[in-house]
C-alpha atoms as a PDB file:
ATOM      1  CA  MET A   1       6.901   7.568  13.374  1.00  0.00           C
ATOM      2  CA  ARG A   2       6.746   3.889  14.199  1.00  0.00           C
ATOM      3  CA  SER A   3       9.479   1.517  13.076  1.00  0.00           C
ATOM      4  CA  ILE A   4       8.383  -1.336  10.818  1.00  0.00           C
ATOM      5  CA  TRP A   5      11.575  -3.402  10.851  1.00  0.00           C
ATOM      6  CA  LYS A   6      14.707  -3.888  12.966  1.00  0.00           C
ATOM      7  CA  GLY A   7      17.993  -5.386  11.861  1.00  0.00           C
ATOM      8  CA  SER A   8      21.473  -4.358  10.836  1.00  0.00           C
ATOM      9  CA  ILE A   9      23.523  -3.272   7.838  1.00  0.00           C
ATOM     10  CA  ALA A  10      26.530  -5.486   7.180  1.00  0.00           C
ATOM     11  CA  PHE A  11      29.423  -4.286   5.013  1.00  0.00           C
ATOM     12  CA  GLY A  12      32.769  -5.970   5.460  1.00  0.00           C
ATOM     13  CA  LEU A  13      33.302  -6.590   9.158  1.00  0.00           C
ATOM     14  CA  VAL A  14      31.249  -3.537  10.143  1.00  0.00           C
ATOM     15  CA  ASN A  15      27.778  -4.080  11.568  1.00  0.00           C
ATOM     16  CA  VAL A  16      25.330  -1.162  11.852  1.00  0.00           C
ATOM     17  CA  PRO A  17      22.130  -1.845  13.875  1.00  0.00           C
ATOM     18  CA  VAL A  18      19.186   0.106  12.470  1.00  0.00           C
ATOM     19  CA  LYS A  19      15.445   0.639  12.695  1.00  0.00           C
ATOM     20  CA  VAL A  20      13.438   1.102   9.497  1.00  0.00           C
ATOM     21  CA  TYR A  21      10.630   3.618   8.964  1.00  0.00           C
ATOM     22  CA  SER A  22       8.471   4.415   5.951  1.00  0.00           C
ATOM     23  CA  ALA A  23       9.859   7.618   4.476  1.00  0.00           C
ATOM     24  CA  THR A  24       6.780   8.631   2.513  1.00  0.00           C
ATOM     25  CA  GLU A  25       3.037   8.868   3.075  1.00  0.00           C
ATOM     26  CA  ASP A  26       0.024   9.210   0.811  1.00  0.00           C
ATOM     27  CA  HIS A  27      -2.000  12.396   1.355  1.00  0.00           C
ATOM     28  CA  ASP A  28      -4.745  11.522  -1.136  1.00  0.00           C
ATOM     29  CA  ILE A  29      -8.282  11.781   0.236  1.00  0.00           C
ATOM     30  CA  ARG A  30      -9.835   8.322   0.522  1.00  0.00           C
ATOM     31  CA  PHE A  31     -13.364   7.527  -0.579  1.00  0.00           C
ATOM     32  CA  HIS A  32     -15.581   4.518   0.022  1.00  0.00           C
ATOM     33  CA  GLN A  33     -18.561   3.268  -1.935  1.00  0.00           C
ATOM     34  CA  VAL A  34     -22.098   4.002  -0.742  1.00  0.00           C
ATOM     35  CA  HIS A  35     -25.623   3.325  -1.913  1.00  0.00           C
ATOM     36  CA  ALA A  36     -26.594   6.379  -3.994  1.00  0.00           C
ATOM     37  CA  LYS A  37     -30.178   6.155  -2.699  1.00  0.00           C
ATOM     38  CA  ASP A  38     -29.529   6.472   1.050  1.00  0.00           C
ATOM     39  CA  GLY A  39     -25.750   6.855   1.540  1.00  0.00           C
ATOM     40  CA  GLY A  40     -25.334   3.480   3.247  1.00  0.00           C
ATOM     41  CA  ARG A  41     -21.899   1.872   3.128  1.00  0.00           C
ATOM     42  CA  ILE A  42     -21.403  -0.946   0.632  1.00  0.00           C
ATOM     43  CA  ARG A  43     -20.003  -3.973   2.436  1.00  0.00           C
ATOM     44  CA  TYR A  44     -18.074  -6.782   0.792  1.00  0.00           C
ATOM     45  CA  ASN A  45     -17.930 -10.339   2.044  1.00  0.00           C
ATOM     46  CA  ARG A  46     -15.142 -12.836   1.375  1.00  0.00           C
ATOM     47  CA  VAL A  47     -17.209 -15.604  -0.213  1.00  0.00           C
ATOM     48  CA  CYS A  48     -15.764 -18.955  -1.258  1.00  0.00           C
ATOM     49  CA  SER A  49     -16.533 -19.791  -4.885  1.00  0.00           C
ATOM     50  CA  GLU A  50     -16.746 -23.510  -4.013  1.00  0.00           C
ATOM     51  CA  CYS A  51     -19.017 -23.696  -0.961  1.00  0.00           C
ATOM     52  CA  GLY A  52     -20.572 -20.228  -1.096  1.00  0.00           C
ATOM     53  CA  GLN A  53     -19.785 -19.530   2.558  1.00  0.00           C
ATOM     54  CA  THR A  54     -18.314 -16.301   3.954  1.00  0.00           C
ATOM     55  CA  VAL A  55     -14.693 -16.951   4.974  1.00  0.00           C
ATOM     56  CA  GLN A  56     -12.883 -15.343   7.904  1.00  0.00           C
ATOM     57  CA  PHE A  57      -9.347 -13.957   7.476  1.00  0.00           C
ATOM     58  CA  ALA A  58      -7.994 -16.659   9.794  1.00  0.00           C
ATOM     59  CA  ASP A  59      -9.182 -19.313   7.344  1.00  0.00           C
ATOM     60  CA  ILE A  60      -7.636 -17.733   4.244  1.00  0.00           C
ATOM     61  CA  ASP A  61      -4.409 -19.067   2.697  1.00  0.00           C
ATOM     62  CA  LYS A  62      -2.529 -18.022  -0.436  1.00  0.00           C
ATOM     63  CA  ALA A  63      -2.568 -19.979  -3.669  1.00  0.00           C
ATOM     64  CA  TYR A  64      -0.617 -20.011  -6.931  1.00  0.00           C
ATOM     65  CA  ASP A  65      -2.160 -21.071 -10.219  1.00  0.00           C
ATOM     66  CA  SER A  66       0.308 -22.457 -12.747  1.00  0.00           C
ATOM     67  CA  GLU A  67      -0.004 -21.836 -16.482  1.00  0.00           C
ATOM     68  CA  GLU A  68      -1.309 -25.414 -16.811  1.00  0.00           C
ATOM     69  CA  GLY A  69      -4.072 -24.679 -14.294  1.00  0.00           C
ATOM     70  CA  ASP A  70      -2.612 -26.499 -11.271  1.00  0.00           C
ATOM     71  CA  ARG A  71      -3.276 -24.719  -7.974  1.00  0.00           C
ATOM     72  CA  VAL A  72      -0.776 -24.797  -5.107  1.00  0.00           C
ATOM     73  CA  ILE A  73      -2.027 -23.669  -1.686  1.00  0.00           C
ATOM     74  CA  LEU A  74       0.567 -22.332   0.768  1.00  0.00           C
ATOM     75  CA  THR A  75       0.029 -21.618   4.464  1.00  0.00           C
ATOM     76  CA  ASP A  76       1.855 -19.187   6.752  1.00  0.00           C
ATOM     77  CA  GLU A  77       3.963 -22.118   7.947  1.00  0.00           C
ATOM     78  CA  ASP A  78       5.151 -22.742   4.391  1.00  0.00           C
ATOM     79  CA  PHE A  79       6.309 -19.136   4.006  1.00  0.00           C
ATOM     80  CA  GLU A  80       8.091 -19.203   7.368  1.00  0.00           C
ATOM     81  CA  LYS A  81      10.288 -22.057   6.100  1.00  0.00           C
ATOM     82  CA  LEU A  82      11.752 -19.851   3.373  1.00  0.00           C
ATOM     83  CA  PRO A  83      15.189 -18.340   4.183  1.00  0.00           C
ATOM     84  CA  ALA A  84      14.022 -14.811   3.361  1.00  0.00           C
ATOM     85  CA  ALA A  85      11.489 -14.894   6.190  1.00  0.00           C
ATOM     86  CA  GLU A  86      14.271 -15.051   8.793  1.00  0.00           C
ATOM     87  CA  LYS A  87      16.617 -12.362   7.423  1.00  0.00           C
ATOM     88  CA  HIS A  88      17.210  -9.395   9.702  1.00  0.00           C
ATOM     89  CA  GLU A  89      20.374  -8.277   8.007  1.00  0.00           C
ATOM     90  CA  ILE A  90      20.923  -5.857   5.140  1.00  0.00           C
ATOM     91  CA  PRO A  91      24.051  -7.133   3.374  1.00  0.00           C
ATOM     92  CA  VAL A  92      25.958  -4.682   1.179  1.00  0.00           C
ATOM     93  CA  LEU A  93      26.648  -6.259  -2.202  1.00  0.00           C
ATOM     94  CA  GLN A  94      28.716  -3.488  -3.784  1.00  0.00           C
ATOM     95  CA  PHE A  95      29.103   0.294  -4.027  1.00  0.00           C
ATOM     96  CA  VAL A  96      28.171   1.904  -7.343  1.00  0.00           C
ATOM     97  CA  PRO A  97      28.207   5.472  -8.742  1.00  0.00           C
ATOM     98  CA  THR A  98      24.898   7.220  -8.080  1.00  0.00           C
ATOM     99  CA  GLU A  99      24.298   8.132 -11.709  1.00  0.00           C
ATOM    100  CA  GLN A 100      24.433   4.493 -12.820  1.00  0.00           C
ATOM    101  CA  ILE A 101      21.058   3.632 -11.293  1.00  0.00           C
ATOM    102  CA  ASP A 102      18.196   4.453 -13.642  1.00  0.00           C
ATOM    103  CA  PRO A 103      15.442   6.281 -11.690  1.00  0.00           C
ATOM    104  CA  ILE A 104      12.825   4.003 -13.273  1.00  0.00           C
ATOM    105  CA  LEU A 105      14.077   1.247 -10.967  1.00  0.00           C
ATOM    106  CA  PHE A 106      13.291   3.136  -7.748  1.00  0.00           C
ATOM    107  CA  GLU A 107      10.247   1.855  -5.888  1.00  0.00           C
ATOM    108  CA  LYS A 108       9.627   2.766  -2.190  1.00  0.00           C
ATOM    109  CA  SER A 109      11.772   4.725   0.276  1.00  0.00           C
ATOM    110  CA  TYR A 110      12.559   4.004   3.930  1.00  0.00           C
ATOM    111  CA  TYR A 111      14.467   5.952   6.593  1.00  0.00           C
ATOM    112  CA  LEU A 112      17.035   4.122   8.729  1.00  0.00           C
ATOM    113  CA  GLU A 113      17.614   5.178  12.330  1.00  0.00           C
ATOM    114  CA  PRO A 114      20.647   3.972  14.328  1.00  0.00           C
ATOM    115  CA  ASP A 115      19.602   1.335  16.869  1.00  0.00           C
ATOM    116  CA  SER A 116      22.687   1.398  19.058  1.00  0.00           C
ATOM    117  CA  PRO A 117      23.925   3.355  22.106  1.00  0.00           C
ATOM    118  CA  SER A 118      26.674   4.696  19.860  1.00  0.00           C
ATOM    119  CA  PRO A 119      25.766   5.753  16.292  1.00  0.00           C
ATOM    120  CA  LYS A 120      29.439   6.007  15.284  1.00  0.00           C
ATOM    121  CA  ALA A 121      29.297   3.232  12.663  1.00  0.00           C
ATOM    122  CA  TYR A 122      26.054   4.661  11.272  1.00  0.00           C
ATOM    123  CA  VAL A 123      27.527   8.147  10.878  1.00  0.00           C
ATOM    124  CA  LEU A 124      30.703   6.699   9.365  1.00  0.00           C
ATOM    125  CA  LEU A 125      28.752   4.857   6.675  1.00  0.00           C
ATOM    126  CA  ALA A 126      26.547   7.862   5.907  1.00  0.00           C
ATOM    127  CA  LYS A 127      29.503  10.250   5.542  1.00  0.00           C
ATOM    128  CA  THR A 128      31.456   7.749   3.455  1.00  0.00           C
ATOM    129  CA  LEU A 129      28.568   7.364   1.014  1.00  0.00           C
ATOM    130  CA  ALA A 130      28.221  11.151   0.771  1.00  0.00           C
ATOM    131  CA  GLN A 131      31.914  11.811   0.209  1.00  0.00           C
ATOM    132  CA  THR A 132      32.407   9.047  -2.345  1.00  0.00           C
ATOM    133  CA  GLU A 133      29.146   9.926  -4.152  1.00  0.00           C
ATOM    134  CA  ARG A 134      28.251   6.266  -4.292  1.00  0.00           C
ATOM    135  CA  ILE A 135      25.227   4.159  -3.492  1.00  0.00           C
ATOM    136  CA  ALA A 136      25.397   0.818  -1.729  1.00  0.00           C
ATOM    137  CA  LEU A 137      23.467  -1.967  -3.431  1.00  0.00           C
ATOM    138  CA  VAL A 138      21.933  -4.178  -0.751  1.00  0.00           C
ATOM    139  CA  HIS A 139      19.465  -6.987  -0.247  1.00  0.00           C
ATOM    140  CA  PHE A 140      16.529  -5.865   1.889  1.00  0.00           C
ATOM    141  CA  THR A 141      13.920  -8.337   3.167  1.00  0.00           C
ATOM    142  CA  LEU A 142      10.617  -6.893   4.350  1.00  0.00           C
ATOM    143  CA  ARG A 143       7.330  -8.734   4.862  1.00  0.00           C
ATOM    144  CA  GLN A 144       8.788 -12.026   3.646  1.00  0.00           C
ATOM    145  CA  LYS A 145       9.903 -10.484   0.377  1.00  0.00           C
ATOM    146  CA  THR A 146      13.534  -9.857  -0.572  1.00  0.00           C
ATOM    147  CA  ARG A 147      14.250  -6.877  -2.797  1.00  0.00           C
ATOM    148  CA  LEU A 148      17.322  -5.378  -4.352  1.00  0.00           C
ATOM    149  CA  ALA A 149      17.692  -1.909  -2.826  1.00  0.00           C
ATOM    150  CA  ALA A 150      19.811   1.224  -2.940  1.00  0.00           C
ATOM    151  CA  LEU A 151      21.276   2.457   0.333  1.00  0.00           C
ATOM    152  CA  ARG A 152      22.222   6.132   0.177  1.00  0.00           C
ATOM    153  CA  GLU A 153      22.811   9.185   2.346  1.00  0.00           C
ATOM    154  CA  ARG A 154      20.280  12.034   2.499  1.00  0.00           C
ATOM    155  CA  ASP A 155      20.979  15.021   4.758  1.00  0.00           C
ATOM    156  CA  GLY A 156      23.009  12.861   7.136  1.00  0.00           C
ATOM    157  CA  VAL A 157      20.359  10.113   7.299  1.00  0.00           C
ATOM    158  CA  LEU A 158      20.649   6.702   5.652  1.00  0.00           C
ATOM    159  CA  VAL A 159      17.824   5.941   3.235  1.00  0.00           C
ATOM    160  CA  ILE A 160      16.929   2.650   1.594  1.00  0.00           C
ATOM    161  CA  GLN A 161      15.075   2.718  -1.704  1.00  0.00           C
ATOM    162  CA  THR A 162      13.836  -0.621  -2.941  1.00  0.00           C
ATOM    163  CA  LEU A 163      14.549  -1.312  -6.598  1.00  0.00           C
ATOM    164  CA  LEU A 164      12.595  -3.193  -9.200  1.00  0.00           C
ATOM    165  CA  TRP A 165      14.272  -6.289 -10.589  1.00  0.00           C
ATOM    166  CA  PRO A 166      15.384  -5.803 -14.216  1.00  0.00           C
ATOM    167  CA  ASP A 167      12.689  -8.145 -15.543  1.00  0.00           C
ATOM    168  CA  GLU A 168      10.005  -6.040 -13.811  1.00  0.00           C
ATOM    169  CA  VAL A 169      10.693  -3.088 -16.119  1.00  0.00           C
ATOM    170  CA  ARG A 170       8.932  -3.454 -19.430  1.00  0.00           C
ATOM    171  CA  ALA A 171      10.823  -2.898 -22.637  1.00  0.00           C
ATOM    172  CA  ALA A 172       9.874   0.326 -24.431  1.00  0.00           C
ATOM    173  CA  GLU A 173       9.230  -0.988 -27.923  1.00  0.00           C
ATOM    174  CA  PHE A 174       7.314   1.501 -30.076  1.00  0.00           C
ATOM    175  CA  PRO A 175       7.464   0.883 -33.844  1.00  0.00           C
ATOM    176  CA  SER A 176       6.324   4.469 -34.447  1.00  0.00           C
ATOM    177  CA  LEU A 177       9.767   5.659 -33.323  1.00  0.00           C
ATOM    178  CA  ASP A 178      11.755   3.342 -35.594  1.00  0.00           C
ATOM    179  CA  ASP A 179      11.515   5.574 -38.665  1.00  0.00           C
ATOM    180  CA  ALA A 180      11.288   8.902 -36.852  1.00  0.00           C
ATOM    181  CA  GLN A 181      13.454  11.605 -38.413  1.00  0.00           C
ATOM    182  CA  ASP A 182      16.143  13.367 -36.416  1.00  0.00           C
ATOM    183  CA  PRO A 183      15.353  17.030 -35.667  1.00  0.00           C
ATOM    184  CA  HIS A 184      17.187  19.691 -37.670  1.00  0.00           C
ATOM    185  CA  ALA A 185      20.028  21.657 -36.088  1.00  0.00           C
ATOM    186  CA  LYS A 186      17.946  24.836 -36.003  1.00  0.00           C
ATOM    187  CA  GLU A 187      15.111  23.029 -34.217  1.00  0.00           C
ATOM    188  CA  LEU A 188      17.510  21.626 -31.635  1.00  0.00           C
ATOM    189  CA  LYS A 189      19.020  25.059 -31.063  1.00  0.00           C
ATOM    190  CA  MET A 190      15.629  26.687 -30.553  1.00  0.00           C
ATOM    191  CA  ALA A 191      14.481  23.918 -28.220  1.00  0.00           C
ATOM    192  CA  GLY A 192      17.728  24.244 -26.246  1.00  0.00           C
ATOM    193  CA  THR A 193      17.181  27.995 -25.924  1.00  0.00           C
ATOM    194  CA  LEU A 194      13.667  27.362 -24.592  1.00  0.00           C
ATOM    195  CA  VAL A 195      15.009  24.879 -22.041  1.00  0.00           C
ATOM    196  CA  GLU A 196      17.616  27.375 -20.861  1.00  0.00           C
ATOM    197  CA  SER A 197      14.988  30.091 -20.478  1.00  0.00           C
ATOM    198  CA  MET A 198      13.012  27.803 -18.139  1.00  0.00           C
ATOM    199  CA  ALA A 199      16.021  26.314 -16.321  1.00  0.00           C
ATOM    200  CA  ASP A 200      16.205  26.587 -12.517  1.00  0.00           C
ATOM    201  CA  ASP A 201      17.169  24.604  -9.415  1.00  0.00           C
ATOM    202  CA  PHE A 202      14.598  22.088  -8.236  1.00  0.00           C
ATOM    203  CA  ASP A 203      12.680  23.072  -5.103  1.00  0.00           C
ATOM    204  CA  PRO A 204       9.816  20.630  -4.380  1.00  0.00           C
ATOM    205  CA  THR A 205       8.189  23.072  -1.916  1.00  0.00           C
ATOM    206  CA  GLU A 206       7.298  25.333  -4.843  1.00  0.00           C
ATOM    207  CA  TYR A 207       4.811  22.756  -6.135  1.00  0.00           C
ATOM    208  CA  THR A 208       1.461  21.806  -4.623  1.00  0.00           C
ATOM    209  CA  ASP A 209      -1.141  19.138  -5.262  1.00  0.00           C
ATOM    210  CA  ASP A 210      -3.864  21.470  -6.531  1.00  0.00           C
ATOM    211  CA  TYR A 211      -6.311  18.624  -7.116  1.00  0.00           C
ATOM    212  CA  GLN A 212      -6.228  17.471  -3.479  1.00  0.00           C
ATOM    213  CA  ILE A 213      -6.413  21.065  -2.201  1.00  0.00           C
ATOM    214  CA  GLN A 214      -9.484  21.839  -4.303  1.00  0.00           C
ATOM    215  CA  LEU A 215     -11.048  18.492  -3.419  1.00  0.00           C
ATOM    216  CA  ARG A 216     -10.614  19.244   0.291  1.00  0.00           C
ATOM    217  CA  GLN A 217     -12.173  22.694  -0.228  1.00  0.00           C
ATOM    218  CA  LEU A 218     -15.099  21.071  -2.049  1.00  0.00           C
ATOM    219  CA  LEU A 219     -15.682  18.637   0.833  1.00  0.00           C
ATOM    220  CA  ASP A 220     -15.360  21.318   3.544  1.00  0.00           C
ATOM    221  CA  GLU A 221     -17.804  23.586   1.711  1.00  0.00           C
ATOM    222  CA  ALA A 222     -20.266  20.711   1.299  1.00  0.00           C
ATOM    223  CA  ILE A 223     -20.123  19.991   5.044  1.00  0.00           C
ATOM    224  CA  ARG A 224     -20.641  23.674   5.906  1.00  0.00           C
ATOM    225  CA  SER A 225     -23.585  24.148   3.554  1.00  0.00           C
ATOM    226  CA  GLY A 226     -25.252  20.808   4.264  1.00  0.00           C
ATOM    227  CA  GLY A 227     -27.871  19.492   1.870  1.00  0.00           C
ATOM    228  CA  LYS A 228     -28.989  16.110   0.640  1.00  0.00           C
ATOM    229  CA  LYS A 229     -25.451  14.997  -0.120  1.00  0.00           C
ATOM    230  CA  VAL A 230     -24.319  15.403   3.504  1.00  0.00           C
ATOM    231  CA  ILE A 231     -25.361  12.931   6.201  1.00  0.00           C
ATOM    232  CA  PRO A 232     -24.600  14.350   9.690  1.00  0.00           C
ATOM    233  CA  ALA A 233     -22.611  12.124  12.041  1.00  0.00           C
ATOM    234  CA  ALA A 234     -25.563  11.578  14.423  1.00  0.00           C
ATOM    235  CA  GLU A 235     -27.793  10.400  11.583  1.00  0.00           C
ATOM    236  CA  GLN A 236     -25.106   8.031  10.354  1.00  0.00           C
ATOM    237  CA  THR A 237     -25.005   6.363  13.781  1.00  0.00           C
ATOM    238  CA  GLU A 238     -28.783   6.107  13.952  1.00  0.00           C
ATOM    239  CA  ALA A 239     -28.963   4.807  10.397  1.00  0.00           C
ATOM    240  CA  GLY A 240     -26.392   2.185  11.224  1.00  0.00           C
ATOM    241  CA  ALA A 241     -28.370   1.083  14.260  1.00  0.00           C
ATOM    242  CA  ASP A 242     -31.601   0.993  12.236  1.00  0.00           C
ATOM    243  CA  ALA A 243     -29.870  -1.103   9.601  1.00  0.00           C
ATOM    244  CA  GLU A 244     -28.817  -3.590  12.273  1.00  0.00           C
ATOM    245  CA  VAL A 245     -32.393  -3.807  13.527  1.00  0.00           C
ATOM    246  CA  VAL A 246     -33.692  -4.328   9.995  1.00  0.00           C
ATOM    247  CA  ASP A 247     -31.089  -7.025   9.411  1.00  0.00           C
ATOM    248  CA  LEU A 248     -32.059  -8.728  12.682  1.00  0.00           C
ATOM    249  CA  VAL A 249     -35.766  -8.594  11.882  1.00  0.00           C
ATOM    250  CA  ALA A 250     -35.092  -9.978   8.420  1.00  0.00           C
ATOM    251  CA  ALA A 251     -33.025 -12.789   9.908  1.00  0.00           C
ATOM    252  CA  LEU A 252     -35.797 -13.624  12.394  1.00  0.00           C
ATOM    253  CA  GLN A 253     -38.372 -13.574   9.617  1.00  0.00           C
ATOM    254  CA  ARG A 254     -36.274 -15.964   7.529  1.00  0.00           C
ATOM    255  CA  SER A 255     -35.980 -18.229  10.549  1.00  0.00           C
ATOM    256  CA  LEU A 256     -39.760 -18.239  10.977  1.00  0.00           C
ATOM    257  CA  ASP A 257     -40.277 -18.903   7.289  1.00  0.00           C
ATOM    258  CA  ALA A 258     -37.813 -21.785   7.470  1.00  0.00           C
ATOM    259  CA  ALA A 259     -39.655 -23.216  10.484  1.00  0.00           C
ATOM    260  CA  GLY A 260     -42.805 -23.367   8.347  1.00  0.00           C
ATOM    261  CA  GLY A 261     -45.775 -25.102   9.923  1.00  0.00           C
ATOM    262  CA  GLU A 262     -44.163 -25.525  13.331  1.00  0.00           C
ATOM    263  CA  THR A 263     -45.425 -22.104  14.351  1.00  0.00           C
ATOM    264  CA  LYS A 264     -49.166 -22.807  13.968  1.00  0.00           C
ATOM    265  CA  PRO A 265     -49.372 -25.858  16.274  1.00  0.00           C
ATOM    266  CA  ALA A 266     -47.567 -23.886  18.969  1.00  0.00           C
ATOM    267  CA  THR A 267     -50.146 -21.127  18.609  1.00  0.00           C
ATOM    268  CA  ALA A 268     -52.987 -23.621  18.791  1.00  0.00           C
ATOM    269  CA  ARG A 269     -51.647 -25.171  21.987  1.00  0.00           C
ATOM    270  CA  LYS A 270     -51.363 -21.705  23.542  1.00  0.00           C
ATOM    271  CA  THR A 271     -54.984 -20.970  22.621  1.00  0.00           C
ATOM    272  CA  ARG A 272     -56.235 -24.195  24.170  1.00  0.00           C
ATOM    273  CA  ARG A 273     -54.477 -23.401  27.458  1.00  0.00           C
ATOM    274  CA  LYS A 274     -56.259 -20.061  27.599  1.00  0.00           C
ATOM    275  CA  ARG A 275     -59.676 -21.704  27.138  1.00  0.00           C
ATOM    276  CA  ALA A 276     -58.957 -24.120  29.967  1.00  0.00           C
END
């Protein structure tokens, strides 16, 4: 794994240098759009709505549109002036019981690795969190964005899980539940019995992503069997080269068309030289 952030955890007078790594990865198979007729990739250009020109990434800034319609354009220099952009410290705000954090608030997880010749302070914090069964609420700044986060211990390793701010969780307001009747005692008892009959300890390895497995099998089988839907790698390269040639020829033709009558006099002069 490659670290994406370096800094330190600060709680009290204790400072714990750490490296941060993404703790999760997406295994979904990625698709891109192609022309159904010939399988060519669909390309998208970044076109300015004002001048109609294609814009390079280096010339793109970020903008905010207010409710009144005013647009504020900010550059990278503007963002660098914000205090959050310079934070390389994870300050502990308080320690709270684990069960008090609603799982709906959890966002993304990151592993923390000790970044010091001696990991003593790191191990001390991890064991303390485990023994006290508490989570440290911290501020975590990544990619110029400060989040509230939960710092906890997992199998001896410190893990940070960014949290949504309270106003980012929508209120669950469903009028259809306002007048819903409470279940009868017998119904609750039967439902409880069903739950108990299906109760077990959670083991994530017992579950698989059947959709992705079957999708991979579908793709592998398609490659093995070939057919119109499969474009071999060699043909893709040749098609790409042909497309470049076509684009170049088209560009040259447009240039000639734009030149208009300039081409004919040049041809006439060439003809006269031959007669001489």
